[in-house]
Amino acid sequence: MQMKEITLRPLTDADVSTVKTWLYLPHVAAWYHDPEDWLQEIESRNGAYSFLRHFIVEAAGKPIGFCQYYDYRLGGEDWHGDTDIDGAYSIDYLIGDTAYLKKGYGKAVVQALITKVRACEDAKRIIVQPELQNDASCRTLLSCGFALDEANGFFTMRL
C-alpha cells in the first residue's frame, strides 16, 4: 500500500468544534471515553496542558483527524508498569472523518508522530496504551514497528 500523504498542523481554537464533533462519533467514542476531558485538555493547551503537542491531521488540506504527543512523565499517568519512563513519550491519534477510515491514514499519522517524537532531544521510546480490543489501532501500531509489551499491557518502540 502506498503511503498516504498527510500534514500535521498545530491545532487552533477554530479546530476545537471539529474535534468535539469527532469525539462524539461512534467510531471514535468507542475508544475515546470522556470526550469532555479530552476537550478540557485541548482548551487548556496553552496553560495546564501545554506539555501536550496537539495537531490536526490534514489530507490534501482537509481536516480528517486529530493527534498528539507528550512527554509521558509530565502526563501524571501511571500505566507504564515496570518500564523506565526516562525519555518515554506517548501518542494519541484518531481519524474523525469516516471517509478516511481503513485506507492507511492511521498508519500515516502514527508514522508522522514517530518522526516528531524522534526529533525530541531526550526521546528514548514511545509507549502507547490503546484498548487491546481496538484491533485497528493495535494493528496500526504493529505495522509501524511497535511491539506489544504483554507484561505491562501496552505497545512500545525504542527510538
N, C-alpha and C. Protein backbone atom coordinates (compact mmCIF):
# COMPACT_ATOMS: atom_id res chain seq x y z
N MET A 1 0.84 -1.18 0.00
CA MET A 1 0.00 0.00 0.00
C MET A 1 0.89 1.24 0.00
N GLN A 2 0.58 2.19 -0.87
CA GLN A 2 1.35 3.42 -0.94
C GLN A 2 1.05 4.27 0.29
N MET A 3 2.10 4.93 0.81
CA MET A 3 1.94 5.78 1.99
C MET A 3 1.02 6.94 1.66
N LYS A 4 0.07 7.18 2.54
CA LYS A 4 -0.86 8.29 2.39
C LYS A 4 -0.14 9.59 2.74
N GLU A 5 -0.40 10.63 1.97
CA GLU A 5 0.20 11.92 2.26
C GLU A 5 -0.71 12.70 3.19
N ILE A 6 -0.14 13.07 4.32
CA ILE A 6 -0.87 13.86 5.30
C ILE A 6 0.03 14.99 5.78
N THR A 7 -0.59 15.93 6.43
CA THR A 7 0.12 17.01 7.10
C THR A 7 -0.40 17.09 8.52
N LEU A 8 0.50 17.29 9.47
CA LEU A 8 0.11 17.58 10.84
C LEU A 8 0.34 19.07 11.05
N ARG A 9 -0.73 19.78 11.37
CA ARG A 9 -0.57 21.20 11.66
C ARG A 9 -1.05 21.46 13.08
N PRO A 10 -0.45 22.44 13.75
CA PRO A 10 -0.87 22.72 15.12
C PRO A 10 -2.37 23.02 15.21
N LEU A 11 -2.99 22.47 16.23
CA LEU A 11 -4.41 22.70 16.48
C LEU A 11 -4.62 24.15 16.87
N THR A 12 -5.68 24.77 16.38
CA THR A 12 -6.03 26.15 16.71
C THR A 12 -7.41 26.17 17.38
N ASP A 13 -7.76 27.32 17.91
CA ASP A 13 -9.08 27.48 18.53
C ASP A 13 -10.19 27.14 17.53
N ALA A 14 -9.99 27.48 16.27
CA ALA A 14 -11.01 27.22 15.24
C ALA A 14 -11.25 25.73 15.02
N ASP A 15 -10.31 24.87 15.45
CA ASP A 15 -10.43 23.42 15.25
C ASP A 15 -11.19 22.72 16.37
N VAL A 16 -11.37 23.37 17.51
CA VAL A 16 -11.92 22.71 18.68
C VAL A 16 -13.31 22.14 18.40
N SER A 17 -14.16 22.87 17.71
CA SER A 17 -15.52 22.36 17.45
C SER A 17 -15.48 21.13 16.54
N THR A 18 -14.54 21.07 15.62
CA THR A 18 -14.41 19.89 14.75
C THR A 18 -13.97 18.69 15.56
N VAL A 19 -12.97 18.87 16.42
CA VAL A 19 -12.51 17.77 17.26
C VAL A 19 -13.64 17.31 18.18
N LYS A 20 -14.41 18.24 18.70
CA LYS A 20 -15.54 17.88 19.56
C LYS A 20 -16.53 17.00 18.80
N THR A 21 -16.83 17.37 17.58
CA THR A 21 -17.73 16.56 16.75
C THR A 21 -17.17 15.16 16.58
N TRP A 22 -15.88 15.05 16.26
CA TRP A 22 -15.25 13.74 16.07
C TRP A 22 -15.31 12.90 17.33
N LEU A 23 -15.07 13.51 18.48
CA LEU A 23 -15.03 12.75 19.74
C LEU A 23 -16.36 12.08 20.07
N TYR A 24 -17.45 12.62 19.54
CA TYR A 24 -18.77 12.06 19.81
C TYR A 24 -19.25 11.10 18.72
N LEU A 25 -18.49 10.93 17.66
CA LEU A 25 -18.87 9.96 16.62
C LEU A 25 -18.68 8.54 17.17
N PRO A 26 -19.58 7.62 16.83
CA PRO A 26 -19.50 6.27 17.41
C PRO A 26 -18.15 5.58 17.23
N HIS A 27 -17.51 5.71 16.06
CA HIS A 27 -16.25 5.00 15.83
C HIS A 27 -15.10 5.60 16.65
N VAL A 28 -15.24 6.82 17.13
CA VAL A 28 -14.24 7.44 18.00
C VAL A 28 -14.63 7.26 19.46
N ALA A 29 -15.90 7.52 19.77
CA ALA A 29 -16.36 7.45 21.16
C ALA A 29 -16.18 6.06 21.77
N ALA A 30 -16.15 5.05 20.94
CA ALA A 30 -15.93 3.69 21.45
C ALA A 30 -14.59 3.56 22.16
N TRP A 31 -13.62 4.40 21.78
CA TRP A 31 -12.27 4.30 22.34
C TRP A 31 -11.83 5.54 23.09
N TYR A 32 -12.41 6.67 22.77
CA TYR A 32 -12.08 7.94 23.44
C TYR A 32 -13.20 8.26 24.42
N HIS A 33 -13.11 7.66 25.58
CA HIS A 33 -14.12 7.86 26.61
C HIS A 33 -13.97 9.27 27.19
N ASP A 34 -15.01 9.77 27.81
CA ASP A 34 -14.97 11.08 28.46
C ASP A 34 -14.51 12.19 27.52
N PRO A 35 -15.26 12.45 26.46
CA PRO A 35 -14.86 13.49 25.50
C PRO A 35 -14.62 14.85 26.15
N GLU A 36 -15.36 15.16 27.20
CA GLU A 36 -15.18 16.47 27.84
C GLU A 36 -13.80 16.59 28.48
N ASP A 37 -13.22 15.48 28.95
CA ASP A 37 -11.86 15.53 29.48
C ASP A 37 -10.85 15.84 28.38
N TRP A 38 -11.05 15.21 27.22
CA TRP A 38 -10.17 15.49 26.07
C TRP A 38 -10.29 16.95 25.66
N LEU A 39 -11.52 17.46 25.64
CA LEU A 39 -11.73 18.84 25.24
C LEU A 39 -11.14 19.82 26.25
N GLN A 40 -11.22 19.49 27.52
CA GLN A 40 -10.61 20.36 28.53
C GLN A 40 -9.10 20.45 28.33
N GLU A 41 -8.47 19.31 28.04
CA GLU A 41 -7.03 19.32 27.77
C GLU A 41 -6.72 20.20 26.56
N ILE A 42 -7.52 20.05 25.52
CA ILE A 42 -7.30 20.85 24.30
C ILE A 42 -7.50 22.33 24.58
N GLU A 43 -8.56 22.66 25.29
CA GLU A 43 -8.84 24.06 25.57
C GLU A 43 -7.83 24.67 26.54
N SER A 44 -7.15 23.85 27.32
CA SER A 44 -6.12 24.33 28.26
C SER A 44 -4.72 24.09 27.72
N ARG A 45 -4.59 23.96 26.39
CA ARG A 45 -3.31 23.61 25.78
C ARG A 45 -2.25 24.69 25.93
N ASN A 46 -2.65 25.91 26.23
CA ASN A 46 -1.67 26.97 26.43
C ASN A 46 -1.41 27.23 27.91
N GLY A 47 -1.99 26.37 28.76
CA GLY A 47 -1.83 26.51 30.20
C GLY A 47 -1.41 25.20 30.83
N ALA A 48 -2.34 24.61 31.61
CA ALA A 48 -2.03 23.39 32.37
C ALA A 48 -1.59 22.22 31.49
N TYR A 49 -2.03 22.19 30.25
CA TYR A 49 -1.69 21.08 29.36
C TYR A 49 -0.75 21.51 28.23
N SER A 50 0.08 22.48 28.51
CA SER A 50 1.00 22.98 27.47
C SER A 50 2.08 21.96 27.11
N PHE A 51 2.23 20.91 27.92
CA PHE A 51 3.22 19.86 27.61
C PHE A 51 2.71 18.94 26.50
N LEU A 52 1.42 18.98 26.20
CA LEU A 52 0.86 18.19 25.10
C LEU A 52 1.03 18.96 23.79
N ARG A 53 1.40 18.25 22.76
CA ARG A 53 1.51 18.85 21.43
C ARG A 53 0.35 18.33 20.59
N HIS A 54 -0.62 19.20 20.33
CA HIS A 54 -1.86 18.84 19.64
C HIS A 54 -1.78 19.21 18.16
N PHE A 55 -2.28 18.32 17.32
CA PHE A 55 -2.27 18.57 15.87
C PHE A 55 -3.59 18.17 15.23
N ILE A 56 -3.88 18.84 14.14
CA ILE A 56 -4.96 18.42 13.24
C ILE A 56 -4.28 17.70 12.08
N VAL A 57 -4.84 16.57 11.71
CA VAL A 57 -4.34 15.80 10.58
C VAL A 57 -5.10 16.26 9.35
N GLU A 58 -4.36 16.63 8.32
CA GLU A 58 -4.98 17.05 7.07
C GLU A 58 -4.54 16.14 5.93
N ALA A 59 -5.48 15.87 5.03
CA ALA A 59 -5.20 15.17 3.78
C ALA A 59 -5.64 16.12 2.67
N ALA A 60 -4.71 16.52 1.82
CA ALA A 60 -4.99 17.48 0.75
C ALA A 60 -5.68 18.73 1.30
N GLY A 61 -5.21 19.19 2.46
CA GLY A 61 -5.74 20.42 3.05
C GLY A 61 -7.04 20.28 3.81
N LYS A 62 -7.60 19.07 3.85
CA LYS A 62 -8.88 18.84 4.53
C LYS A 62 -8.62 18.20 5.90
N PRO A 63 -9.19 18.78 6.97
CA PRO A 63 -9.04 18.16 8.29
C PRO A 63 -9.73 16.79 8.34
N ILE A 64 -8.96 15.76 8.73
CA ILE A 64 -9.54 14.42 8.78
C ILE A 64 -9.35 13.74 10.14
N GLY A 65 -8.50 14.33 11.00
CA GLY A 65 -8.24 13.68 12.27
C GLY A 65 -7.49 14.58 13.24
N PHE A 66 -7.20 14.00 14.38
CA PHE A 66 -6.54 14.68 15.48
C PHE A 66 -5.46 13.77 16.03
N CYS A 67 -4.37 14.35 16.51
CA CYS A 67 -3.34 13.56 17.17
C CYS A 67 -2.57 14.44 18.13
N GLN A 68 -1.82 13.78 19.00
CA GLN A 68 -0.99 14.50 19.96
C GLN A 68 0.15 13.61 20.41
N TYR A 69 1.19 14.25 20.92
CA TYR A 69 2.26 13.52 21.60
C TYR A 69 2.67 14.31 22.83
N TYR A 70 3.30 13.61 23.77
CA TYR A 70 3.71 14.27 25.01
C TYR A 70 4.75 13.45 25.74
N ASP A 71 5.53 14.16 26.56
CA ASP A 71 6.48 13.52 27.45
C ASP A 71 5.66 12.81 28.52
N TYR A 72 5.75 11.50 28.56
CA TYR A 72 4.91 10.69 29.45
C TYR A 72 5.06 11.12 30.92
N ARG A 73 6.26 11.48 31.33
CA ARG A 73 6.48 11.87 32.73
C ARG A 73 5.63 13.06 33.14
N LEU A 74 5.32 13.94 32.21
CA LEU A 74 4.56 15.15 32.52
C LEU A 74 3.06 14.91 32.56
N GLY A 75 2.61 13.75 32.09
CA GLY A 75 1.19 13.47 32.00
C GLY A 75 0.52 13.03 33.29
N GLY A 76 1.31 12.68 34.30
CA GLY A 76 0.73 12.25 35.57
C GLY A 76 0.06 10.89 35.50
N GLU A 77 0.38 10.11 34.47
CA GLU A 77 -0.23 8.79 34.31
C GLU A 77 0.65 7.73 34.96
N ASP A 78 0.05 6.58 35.21
CA ASP A 78 0.83 5.52 35.88
C ASP A 78 0.61 4.14 35.27
N TRP A 79 0.31 4.10 33.99
CA TRP A 79 0.05 2.81 33.34
C TRP A 79 1.31 2.17 32.76
N HIS A 80 2.47 2.71 33.04
CA HIS A 80 3.71 2.23 32.43
C HIS A 80 4.28 0.96 33.05
N GLY A 81 3.67 0.48 34.15
CA GLY A 81 4.16 -0.75 34.76
C GLY A 81 5.59 -0.60 35.22
N ASP A 82 6.44 -1.60 34.88
CA ASP A 82 7.83 -1.56 35.32
C ASP A 82 8.77 -0.94 34.28
N THR A 83 8.22 -0.27 33.28
CA THR A 83 9.02 0.32 32.22
C THR A 83 9.68 1.61 32.70
N ASP A 84 10.94 1.78 32.36
CA ASP A 84 11.66 3.01 32.66
C ASP A 84 11.03 4.13 31.84
N ILE A 85 10.59 5.17 32.50
CA ILE A 85 9.91 6.26 31.77
C ILE A 85 10.84 7.43 31.46
N ASP A 86 12.11 7.30 31.76
CA ASP A 86 13.07 8.32 31.37
C ASP A 86 13.12 8.36 29.84
N GLY A 87 12.77 9.47 29.26
CA GLY A 87 12.77 9.60 27.80
C GLY A 87 11.58 8.97 27.13
N ALA A 88 10.54 8.61 27.89
CA ALA A 88 9.34 7.99 27.31
C ALA A 88 8.34 9.05 26.88
N TYR A 89 7.83 8.89 25.70
CA TYR A 89 6.78 9.75 25.16
C TYR A 89 5.59 8.86 24.85
N SER A 90 4.41 9.48 24.77
CA SER A 90 3.23 8.74 24.38
C SER A 90 2.50 9.52 23.28
N ILE A 91 1.66 8.81 22.56
CA ILE A 91 0.92 9.41 21.45
C ILE A 91 -0.54 8.99 21.52
N ASP A 92 -1.39 9.82 20.95
CA ASP A 92 -2.81 9.53 20.77
C ASP A 92 -3.17 10.00 19.37
N TYR A 93 -4.12 9.34 18.76
CA TYR A 93 -4.47 9.67 17.38
C TYR A 93 -5.86 9.16 17.07
N LEU A 94 -6.52 9.85 16.14
CA LEU A 94 -7.82 9.39 15.67
C LEU A 94 -8.06 9.93 14.27
N ILE A 95 -8.77 9.15 13.50
CA ILE A 95 -9.28 9.61 12.21
C ILE A 95 -10.75 9.91 12.47
N GLY A 96 -11.13 11.16 12.35
CA GLY A 96 -12.50 11.56 12.63
C GLY A 96 -13.41 11.44 11.43
N ASP A 97 -12.91 11.79 10.27
CA ASP A 97 -13.70 11.78 9.04
C ASP A 97 -13.84 10.33 8.56
N THR A 98 -15.06 9.82 8.57
CA THR A 98 -15.29 8.40 8.24
C THR A 98 -14.88 8.04 6.82
N ALA A 99 -14.82 9.00 5.93
CA ALA A 99 -14.40 8.72 4.54
C ALA A 99 -12.93 8.31 4.47
N TYR A 100 -12.18 8.53 5.55
CA TYR A 100 -10.75 8.24 5.55
C TYR A 100 -10.38 7.04 6.42
N LEU A 101 -11.38 6.33 6.89
CA LEU A 101 -11.14 5.13 7.70
C LEU A 101 -10.73 3.95 6.82
N LYS A 102 -9.90 3.09 7.36
CA LYS A 102 -9.49 1.84 6.71
C LYS A 102 -8.84 2.06 5.36
N LYS A 103 -8.09 3.17 5.25
CA LYS A 103 -7.43 3.48 3.99
C LYS A 103 -5.95 3.78 4.17
N GLY A 104 -5.41 3.50 5.37
CA GLY A 104 -3.99 3.71 5.62
C GLY A 104 -3.64 5.05 6.23
N TYR A 105 -4.62 5.89 6.49
CA TYR A 105 -4.32 7.20 7.06
C TYR A 105 -3.87 7.09 8.52
N GLY A 106 -4.42 6.16 9.27
CA GLY A 106 -3.99 5.98 10.65
C GLY A 106 -2.51 5.64 10.73
N LYS A 107 -2.06 4.77 9.85
CA LYS A 107 -0.63 4.41 9.81
C LYS A 107 0.22 5.64 9.48
N ALA A 108 -0.25 6.45 8.54
CA ALA A 108 0.49 7.67 8.19
C ALA A 108 0.58 8.62 9.38
N VAL A 109 -0.49 8.71 10.16
CA VAL A 109 -0.48 9.58 11.34
C VAL A 109 0.52 9.07 12.36
N VAL A 110 0.50 7.77 12.64
CA VAL A 110 1.43 7.20 13.62
C VAL A 110 2.88 7.41 13.15
N GLN A 111 3.14 7.21 11.89
CA GLN A 111 4.50 7.42 11.37
C GLN A 111 4.92 8.88 11.49
N ALA A 112 4.00 9.79 11.25
CA ALA A 112 4.31 11.22 11.40
C ALA A 112 4.59 11.57 12.86
N LEU A 113 3.83 10.97 13.78
CA LEU A 113 4.07 11.20 15.20
C LEU A 113 5.42 10.63 15.64
N ILE A 114 5.78 9.46 15.13
CA ILE A 114 7.09 8.88 15.44
C ILE A 114 8.19 9.86 15.02
N THR A 115 8.06 10.42 13.84
CA THR A 115 9.05 11.39 13.35
C THR A 115 9.14 12.59 14.28
N LYS A 116 8.00 13.10 14.73
CA LYS A 116 8.01 14.25 15.65
C LYS A 116 8.67 13.90 16.98
N VAL A 117 8.34 12.73 17.52
CA VAL A 117 8.92 12.34 18.81
C VAL A 117 10.43 12.11 18.66
N ARG A 118 10.84 11.50 17.57
CA ARG A 118 12.28 11.27 17.35
C ARG A 118 13.06 12.59 17.35
N ALA A 119 12.41 13.67 16.96
CA ALA A 119 13.08 14.98 16.93
C ALA A 119 13.26 15.57 18.33
N CYS A 120 12.62 15.00 19.32
CA CYS A 120 12.77 15.47 20.71
C CYS A 120 14.11 14.96 21.23
N GLU A 121 14.92 15.86 21.72
CA GLU A 121 16.28 15.56 22.13
C GLU A 121 16.38 14.43 23.16
N ASP A 122 15.42 14.36 24.08
CA ASP A 122 15.51 13.38 25.17
C ASP A 122 14.72 12.09 24.91
N ALA A 123 14.09 11.97 23.75
CA ALA A 123 13.23 10.82 23.47
C ALA A 123 14.03 9.54 23.33
N LYS A 124 13.62 8.51 24.08
CA LYS A 124 14.24 7.19 24.00
C LYS A 124 13.28 6.11 23.57
N ARG A 125 11.99 6.35 23.82
CA ARG A 125 10.98 5.34 23.46
C ARG A 125 9.61 6.01 23.39
N ILE A 126 8.71 5.31 22.71
CA ILE A 126 7.30 5.72 22.69
C ILE A 126 6.51 4.57 23.29
N ILE A 127 5.61 4.90 24.20
CA ILE A 127 4.71 3.90 24.77
C ILE A 127 3.28 4.35 24.50
N VAL A 128 2.44 3.40 24.13
CA VAL A 128 1.06 3.71 23.74
C VAL A 128 0.15 2.65 24.33
N GLN A 129 -0.96 3.08 24.89
CA GLN A 129 -1.88 2.13 25.52
C GLN A 129 -3.29 2.23 24.95
N PRO A 130 -3.49 1.76 23.71
CA PRO A 130 -4.86 1.68 23.22
C PRO A 130 -5.55 0.52 23.93
N GLU A 131 -6.84 0.54 23.95
CA GLU A 131 -7.54 -0.63 24.48
C GLU A 131 -7.20 -1.80 23.57
N LEU A 132 -6.85 -2.92 24.16
CA LEU A 132 -6.41 -4.06 23.37
C LEU A 132 -7.52 -4.61 22.48
N GLN A 133 -8.77 -4.25 22.76
CA GLN A 133 -9.89 -4.65 21.91
C GLN A 133 -9.98 -3.78 20.66
N ASN A 134 -9.23 -2.68 20.63
CA ASN A 134 -9.23 -1.78 19.48
C ASN A 134 -8.27 -2.36 18.43
N ASP A 135 -8.77 -3.36 17.72
CA ASP A 135 -7.95 -4.10 16.76
C ASP A 135 -7.29 -3.20 15.72
N ALA A 136 -8.03 -2.23 15.21
CA ALA A 136 -7.47 -1.37 14.16
C ALA A 136 -6.26 -0.61 14.68
N SER A 137 -6.36 -0.04 15.87
CA SER A 137 -5.24 0.71 16.43
C SER A 137 -4.07 -0.21 16.74
N CYS A 138 -4.34 -1.34 17.31
CA CYS A 138 -3.27 -2.29 17.65
C CYS A 138 -2.55 -2.76 16.39
N ARG A 139 -3.28 -3.07 15.35
CA ARG A 139 -2.66 -3.50 14.09
C ARG A 139 -1.83 -2.36 13.49
N THR A 140 -2.35 -1.14 13.59
CA THR A 140 -1.62 0.01 13.07
C THR A 140 -0.28 0.17 13.78
N LEU A 141 -0.30 0.08 15.10
CA LEU A 141 0.94 0.21 15.86
C LEU A 141 1.94 -0.88 15.48
N LEU A 142 1.47 -2.11 15.38
CA LEU A 142 2.36 -3.21 15.00
C LEU A 142 2.95 -2.97 13.60
N SER A 143 2.13 -2.48 12.68
CA SER A 143 2.61 -2.25 11.32
C SER A 143 3.62 -1.11 11.24
N CYS A 144 3.64 -0.27 12.27
CA CYS A 144 4.60 0.85 12.32
C CYS A 144 5.86 0.50 13.11
N GLY A 145 5.96 -0.74 13.57
CA GLY A 145 7.17 -1.16 14.25
C GLY A 145 7.10 -1.22 15.77
N PHE A 146 5.93 -0.99 16.33
CA PHE A 146 5.77 -1.14 17.78
C PHE A 146 5.68 -2.62 18.14
N ALA A 147 6.02 -2.92 19.37
CA ALA A 147 5.89 -4.28 19.89
C ALA A 147 4.95 -4.24 21.09
N LEU A 148 4.17 -5.29 21.25
CA LEU A 148 3.28 -5.38 22.40
C LEU A 148 4.08 -5.84 23.61
N ASP A 149 4.06 -5.05 24.65
CA ASP A 149 4.65 -5.42 25.94
C ASP A 149 3.52 -6.08 26.73
N GLU A 150 3.43 -7.39 26.61
CA GLU A 150 2.31 -8.11 27.22
C GLU A 150 2.28 -7.99 28.73
N ALA A 151 3.44 -7.95 29.36
CA ALA A 151 3.50 -7.87 30.82
C ALA A 151 2.89 -6.57 31.33
N ASN A 152 3.08 -5.48 30.58
CA ASN A 152 2.58 -4.18 31.02
C ASN A 152 1.31 -3.74 30.29
N GLY A 153 0.92 -4.45 29.24
CA GLY A 153 -0.34 -4.16 28.55
C GLY A 153 -0.32 -2.93 27.68
N PHE A 154 0.82 -2.64 27.04
CA PHE A 154 0.86 -1.51 26.10
C PHE A 154 1.86 -1.82 24.99
N PHE A 155 1.90 -0.92 24.01
CA PHE A 155 2.81 -1.07 22.87
C PHE A 155 4.00 -0.14 23.10
N THR A 156 5.15 -0.58 22.63
CA THR A 156 6.38 0.20 22.85
C THR A 156 7.26 0.17 21.61
N MET A 157 8.02 1.24 21.47
CA MET A 157 9.00 1.33 20.39
C MET A 157 10.22 2.06 20.93
N ARG A 158 11.38 1.46 20.79
CA ARG A 158 12.63 2.15 21.14
C ARG A 158 13.02 3.05 19.98
N LEU A 159 13.54 4.20 20.31
CA LEU A 159 13.94 5.16 19.27
C LEU A 159 15.46 5.18 19.11
